Amino acid sequence: MAFVTMHVVMLQIRPLEEAYKFGSFFSSLLTESDFEAKPSVLLLGQYSTGKTTFIKHLLGRDYPGIHIGPEPTTGEC
């Protein structure tokens, strides 16, 4: 799947980005390594909305640094 996506980007989208100088005013153009890298995911939400529980469910196990408490578990009081 990543190869197909990379192929479409490099052959169809990349020429448009270069023609309109997309890399000059927004972000650098994608490279092959961008498609081969592991994805990063950002999970945002207010306190006690289930972010940690959601990650735990996705992983199917606890993970290092996990702490679920009845009150916010970050910051100083």
C-alpha atoms as a PDB file:
ATOM      1  CA  MET A   1       0.000   0.000   0.000  1.00  0.00           C
ATOM      2  CA  ALA A   2       2.792   2.440   0.870  1.00  0.00           C
ATOM      3  CA  PHE A   3       4.471   1.733  -2.480  1.00  0.00           C
ATOM      4  CA  VAL A   4       1.255   2.510  -4.386  1.00  0.00           C
ATOM      5  CA  THR A   5       0.735   5.718  -2.413  1.00  0.00           C
ATOM      6  CA  MET A   6       4.349   6.772  -2.957  1.00  0.00           C
ATOM      7  CA  HIS A   7       4.046   5.998  -6.672  1.00  0.00           C
ATOM      8  CA  VAL A   8       0.929   8.188  -7.023  1.00  0.00           C
ATOM      9  CA  VAL A   9       2.493  11.044  -5.059  1.00  0.00           C
ATOM     10  CA  MET A  10       5.802  10.984  -6.935  1.00  0.00           C
ATOM     11  CA  LEU A  11       4.281  10.702 -10.414  1.00  0.00           C
ATOM     12  CA  GLN A  12       1.087  12.728 -10.149  1.00  0.00           C
ATOM     13  CA  ILE A  13       1.156  15.053  -7.157  1.00  0.00           C
ATOM     14  CA  ARG A  14       4.877  15.879  -6.942  1.00  0.00           C
ATOM     15  CA  PRO A  15       5.002  17.589 -10.370  1.00  0.00           C
ATOM     16  CA  LEU A  16       2.156  19.900  -9.288  1.00  0.00           C
ATOM     17  CA  GLU A  17       3.889  20.694  -5.999  1.00  0.00           C
ATOM     18  CA  GLU A  18       7.089  21.528  -7.857  1.00  0.00           C
ATOM     19  CA  ALA A  19       5.298  23.634 -10.503  1.00  0.00           C
ATOM     20  CA  TYR A  20       3.525  25.724  -7.860  1.00  0.00           C
ATOM     21  CA  LYS A  21       6.566  25.772  -5.508  1.00  0.00           C
ATOM     22  CA  PHE A  22       4.601  24.181  -2.659  1.00  0.00           C
ATOM     23  CA  GLY A  23       7.793  23.336  -0.781  1.00  0.00           C
ATOM     24  CA  SER A  24       8.780  27.014  -0.665  1.00  0.00           C
ATOM     25  CA  PHE A  25       5.832  28.307   1.315  1.00  0.00           C
ATOM     26  CA  PHE A  26       4.314  25.428   3.279  1.00  0.00           C
ATOM     27  CA  SER A  27       6.425  22.369   4.073  1.00  0.00           C
ATOM     28  CA  SER A  28       9.163  20.415   2.378  1.00  0.00           C
ATOM     29  CA  LEU A  29       8.152  17.957  -0.316  1.00  0.00           C
ATOM     30  CA  LEU A  30       7.687  14.319   0.677  1.00  0.00           C
ATOM     31  CA  THR A  31      10.542  11.897   0.086  1.00  0.00           C
ATOM     32  CA  GLU A  32      10.602   8.111  -0.220  1.00  0.00           C
ATOM     33  CA  SER A  33      11.703   7.818   3.412  1.00  0.00           C
ATOM     34  CA  ASP A  34       8.510   9.632   4.503  1.00  0.00           C
ATOM     35  CA  PHE A  35       6.507   6.704   3.137  1.00  0.00           C
ATOM     36  CA  GLU A  36       8.780   4.075   4.690  1.00  0.00           C
ATOM     37  CA  ALA A  37       8.806   5.605   8.193  1.00  0.00           C
ATOM     38  CA  LYS A  38       6.544   4.428  10.984  1.00  0.00           C
ATOM     39  CA  PRO A  39       3.598   6.763  11.442  1.00  0.00           C
ATOM     40  CA  SER A  40       3.299   9.105  14.411  1.00  0.00           C
ATOM     41  CA  VAL A  41      -0.044   9.622  16.087  1.00  0.00           C
ATOM     42  CA  LEU A  42      -1.035  12.525  18.322  1.00  0.00           C
ATOM     43  CA  LEU A  43      -3.915  11.954  20.721  1.00  0.00           C
ATOM     44  CA  LEU A  44      -5.383  15.066  22.348  1.00  0.00           C
ATOM     45  CA  GLY A  45      -8.166  15.521  24.853  1.00  0.00           C
ATOM     46  CA  GLN A  46      -9.180  16.945  28.188  1.00  0.00           C
ATOM     47  CA  TYR A  47      -8.433  15.234  31.486  1.00  0.00           C
ATOM     48  CA  SER A  48     -10.295  12.012  32.224  1.00  0.00           C
ATOM     49  CA  THR A  49     -11.715  11.495  28.743  1.00  0.00           C
ATOM     50  CA  GLY A  50     -10.213   8.044  28.166  1.00  0.00           C
ATOM     51  CA  LYS A  51      -7.034   8.753  26.180  1.00  0.00           C
ATOM     52  CA  THR A  52      -4.888   6.343  28.193  1.00  0.00           C
ATOM     53  CA  THR A  53      -7.624   3.724  28.247  1.00  0.00           C
ATOM     54  CA  PHE A  54      -7.964   4.032  24.459  1.00  0.00           C
ATOM     55  CA  ILE A  55      -4.212   3.509  23.926  1.00  0.00           C
ATOM     56  CA  LYS A  56      -4.258   0.576  26.343  1.00  0.00           C
ATOM     57  CA  HIS A  57      -7.146  -0.948  24.380  1.00  0.00           C
ATOM     58  CA  LEU A  58      -5.323  -0.502  21.047  1.00  0.00           C
ATOM     59  CA  LEU A  59      -2.163  -2.114  22.400  1.00  0.00           C
ATOM     60  CA  GLY A  60      -4.033  -4.843  24.220  1.00  0.00           C
ATOM     61  CA  ARG A  61      -1.789  -4.392  27.267  1.00  0.00           C
ATOM     62  CA  ASP A  62      -0.324  -1.863  29.678  1.00  0.00           C
ATOM     63  CA  TYR A  63       2.650   0.165  28.521  1.00  0.00           C
ATOM     64  CA  PRO A  64       5.583   1.862  30.292  1.00  0.00           C
ATOM     65  CA  GLY A  65       4.590   5.053  32.095  1.00  0.00           C
ATOM     66  CA  ILE A  66       0.875   4.283  32.187  1.00  0.00           C
ATOM     67  CA  HIS A  67      -0.945   5.713  35.161  1.00  0.00           C
ATOM     68  CA  ILE A  68      -4.709   5.912  35.390  1.00  0.00           C
ATOM     69  CA  GLY A  69      -6.059   7.823  38.361  1.00  0.00           C
ATOM     70  CA  PRO A  70      -9.247   9.490  39.514  1.00  0.00           C
ATOM     71  CA  GLU A  71      -7.625  12.948  39.249  1.00  0.00           C
ATOM     72  CA  PRO A  72      -5.370  14.506  36.590  1.00  0.00           C
ATOM     73  CA  THR A  73      -2.047  12.643  36.732  1.00  0.00           C
ATOM     74  CA  THR A  74       0.184  15.321  35.219  1.00  0.00           C
ATOM     75  CA  GLY A  75       1.472  18.637  36.524  1.00  0.00           C
ATOM     76  CA  GLU A  76       2.115  19.982  39.975  1.00  0.00           C
ATOM     77  CA  CYS A  77      -0.609  20.808  42.515  1.00  0.00           C
END
